[in-house]
Amino acid sequence: MMDPVTVDKVKMVKNGDALIAEMKADNIEEDQMPDWLGGRASHPGISMQEVARKYVVEFQKSTAAAAAPAAAPLAAAAVDVVADSGAAEKSNAK
């Protein structure tokens, strides 16, 4: 039995094949998976922590780029609201 906190932090899979299938479903290709997981990637001299960090950074960049066009109208609207509130404050000060 595992500690409940650990269970919440770790995703358990049935076996290595299930792990590879799940990683593929998350768009991780076999050449990105380490060979000890059944993939084809080897990263001599680079820790798995660094490999994972690079993956997270790339993922964040891709999701930020995908969200940027959708966020642009909201950012423009926020600027308009701030500009309008500044004008209202000036007229109230008179």
C-alpha atoms as a PDB file:
ATOM      1  CA  MET A   1       0.000   0.000   0.000  1.00  0.00           C
ATOM      2  CA  MET A   2       1.281   3.435  -0.921  1.00  0.00           C
ATOM      3  CA  ASP A   3       1.013   6.618   1.098  1.00  0.00           C
ATOM      4  CA  PRO A   4      -2.089   8.592  -0.063  1.00  0.00           C
ATOM      5  CA  VAL A   5       0.008  11.729  -0.712  1.00  0.00           C
ATOM      6  CA  THR A   6       2.310   9.730  -2.976  1.00  0.00           C
ATOM      7  CA  VAL A   7      -0.664   8.206  -4.774  1.00  0.00           C
ATOM      8  CA  ASP A   8      -1.956  11.736  -5.507  1.00  0.00           C
ATOM      9  CA  LYS A   9       1.419  12.770  -6.939  1.00  0.00           C
ATOM     10  CA  VAL A  10       2.187   9.668  -9.005  1.00  0.00           C
ATOM     11  CA  LYS A  11       0.142   8.291 -11.859  1.00  0.00           C
ATOM     12  CA  MET A  12       0.243   4.528 -11.710  1.00  0.00           C
ATOM     13  CA  VAL A  13       0.056   2.478 -14.889  1.00  0.00           C
ATOM     14  CA  LYS A  14      -0.444  -1.237 -15.346  1.00  0.00           C
ATOM     15  CA  ASN A  15       2.821  -1.947 -17.164  1.00  0.00           C
ATOM     16  CA  GLY A  16       5.436  -0.493 -19.513  1.00  0.00           C
ATOM     17  CA  ASP A  17       3.251  -0.990 -22.570  1.00  0.00           C
ATOM     18  CA  ALA A  18       0.455   0.989 -20.925  1.00  0.00           C
ATOM     19  CA  LEU A  19       2.935   3.739 -20.055  1.00  0.00           C
ATOM     20  CA  ILE A  20       4.195   3.956 -23.638  1.00  0.00           C
ATOM     21  CA  ALA A  21       0.629   4.023 -24.978  1.00  0.00           C
ATOM     22  CA  GLU A  22      -0.252   6.844 -22.572  1.00  0.00           C
ATOM     23  CA  MET A  23       2.862   8.810 -23.458  1.00  0.00           C
ATOM     24  CA  LYS A  24       2.042   8.459 -27.156  1.00  0.00           C
ATOM     25  CA  ALA A  25      -1.487   9.686 -26.430  1.00  0.00           C
ATOM     26  CA  ASP A  26       0.154  12.769 -24.869  1.00  0.00           C
ATOM     27  CA  ASN A  27       2.091  13.345 -28.136  1.00  0.00           C
ATOM     28  CA  ILE A  28       5.389  12.050 -26.794  1.00  0.00           C
ATOM     29  CA  GLU A  29       7.094  10.103 -29.569  1.00  0.00           C
ATOM     30  CA  GLU A  30       9.236   7.023 -29.004  1.00  0.00           C
ATOM     31  CA  ASP A  31      12.354   8.935 -30.001  1.00  0.00           C
ATOM     32  CA  GLN A  32      11.663  11.273 -27.057  1.00  0.00           C
ATOM     33  CA  MET A  33      11.252   8.432 -24.546  1.00  0.00           C
ATOM     34  CA  PRO A  34      14.338   7.079 -22.812  1.00  0.00           C
ATOM     35  CA  ASP A  35      15.465   3.652 -23.914  1.00  0.00           C
ATOM     36  CA  TRP A  36      14.933   2.205 -20.425  1.00  0.00           C
ATOM     37  CA  LEU A  37      11.214   2.982 -20.870  1.00  0.00           C
ATOM     38  CA  GLY A  38      11.110   1.236 -24.213  1.00  0.00           C
ATOM     39  CA  GLY A  39      11.733   4.340 -26.285  1.00  0.00           C
ATOM     40  CA  ARG A  40      14.540   5.109 -28.689  1.00  0.00           C
ATOM     41  CA  ALA A  41      15.980   8.242 -27.119  1.00  0.00           C
ATOM     42  CA  SER A  42      19.203   8.192 -25.252  1.00  0.00           C
ATOM     43  CA  HIS A  43      20.522  11.245 -23.512  1.00  0.00           C
ATOM     44  CA  PRO A  44      24.094  10.480 -22.523  1.00  0.00           C
ATOM     45  CA  GLY A  45      25.305  12.867 -19.857  1.00  0.00           C
ATOM     46  CA  ILE A  46      21.886  14.511 -19.402  1.00  0.00           C
ATOM     47  CA  SER A  47      19.791  13.651 -16.362  1.00  0.00           C
ATOM     48  CA  MET A  48      16.155  12.689 -16.751  1.00  0.00           C
ATOM     49  CA  GLN A  49      15.322  15.754 -14.659  1.00  0.00           C
ATOM     50  CA  GLU A  50      16.880  17.980 -17.336  1.00  0.00           C
ATOM     51  CA  VAL A  51      15.132  16.072 -20.139  1.00  0.00           C
ATOM     52  CA  ALA A  52      11.796  16.493 -18.317  1.00  0.00           C
ATOM     53  CA  ARG A  53      12.481  20.195 -17.666  1.00  0.00           C
ATOM     54  CA  LYS A  54      13.148  20.803 -21.356  1.00  0.00           C
ATOM     55  CA  TYR A  55       9.929  18.992 -22.246  1.00  0.00           C
ATOM     56  CA  VAL A  56       7.927  21.121 -19.790  1.00  0.00           C
ATOM     57  CA  VAL A  57       9.459  24.348 -21.140  1.00  0.00           C
ATOM     58  CA  GLU A  58       8.608  23.370 -24.720  1.00  0.00           C
ATOM     59  CA  PHE A  59       5.085  22.386 -23.684  1.00  0.00           C
ATOM     60  CA  GLN A  60       4.568  25.728 -21.922  1.00  0.00           C
ATOM     61  CA  LYS A  61       5.825  27.608 -24.989  1.00  0.00           C
ATOM     62  CA  SER A  62       3.461  25.719 -27.280  1.00  0.00           C
ATOM     63  CA  THR A  63       0.420  26.237 -25.050  1.00  0.00           C
ATOM     64  CA  ALA A  64       1.260  29.929 -24.560  1.00  0.00           C
ATOM     65  CA  ALA A  65       1.588  30.395 -28.324  1.00  0.00           C
ATOM     66  CA  ALA A  66      -1.733  28.649 -28.888  1.00  0.00           C
ATOM     67  CA  ALA A  67      -3.449  30.794 -26.240  1.00  0.00           C
ATOM     68  CA  ALA A  68      -1.917  34.107 -27.370  1.00  0.00           C
ATOM     69  CA  PRO A  69      -4.296  34.801 -30.296  1.00  0.00           C
ATOM     70  CA  ALA A  70      -7.327  34.052 -28.132  1.00  0.00           C
ATOM     71  CA  ALA A  71      -6.055  36.280 -25.310  1.00  0.00           C
ATOM     72  CA  ALA A  72      -5.306  39.289 -27.540  1.00  0.00           C
ATOM     73  CA  PRO A  73      -8.914  40.618 -27.677  1.00  0.00           C
ATOM     74  CA  LEU A  74      -9.180  40.280 -23.893  1.00  0.00           C
ATOM     75  CA  ALA A  75      -5.953  42.197 -23.390  1.00  0.00           C
ATOM     76  CA  ALA A  76      -7.164  44.955 -25.733  1.00  0.00           C
ATOM     77  CA  ALA A  77     -10.470  45.149 -23.852  1.00  0.00           C
ATOM     78  CA  ALA A  78      -8.617  45.403 -20.539  1.00  0.00           C
ATOM     79  CA  VAL A  79      -6.561  48.321 -21.894  1.00  0.00           C
ATOM     80  CA  ASP A  80      -9.768  50.055 -23.017  1.00  0.00           C
ATOM     81  CA  VAL A  81     -11.346  49.595 -19.581  1.00  0.00           C
ATOM     82  CA  VAL A  82      -8.279  50.995 -17.836  1.00  0.00           C
ATOM     83  CA  ALA A  83      -8.170  53.943 -20.244  1.00  0.00           C
ATOM     84  CA  ASP A  84     -11.882  54.627 -19.745  1.00  0.00           C
ATOM     85  CA  SER A  85     -11.589  54.488 -15.955  1.00  0.00           C
ATOM     86  CA  GLY A  86      -8.723  56.994 -16.073  1.00  0.00           C
ATOM     87  CA  ALA A  87     -10.863  59.428 -18.080  1.00  0.00           C
ATOM     88  CA  ALA A  88     -13.749  59.032 -15.620  1.00  0.00           C
ATOM     89  CA  GLU A  89     -11.452  59.748 -12.669  1.00  0.00           C
ATOM     90  CA  LYS A  90     -10.222  62.951 -14.339  1.00  0.00           C
ATOM     91  CA  SER A  91     -13.764  64.186 -15.018  1.00  0.00           C
ATOM     92  CA  ASN A  92     -14.790  63.445 -11.409  1.00  0.00           C
ATOM     93  CA  ALA A  93     -11.824  65.409 -10.094  1.00  0.00           C
ATOM     94  CA  LYS A  94     -13.053  68.675 -11.686  1.00  0.00           C
END
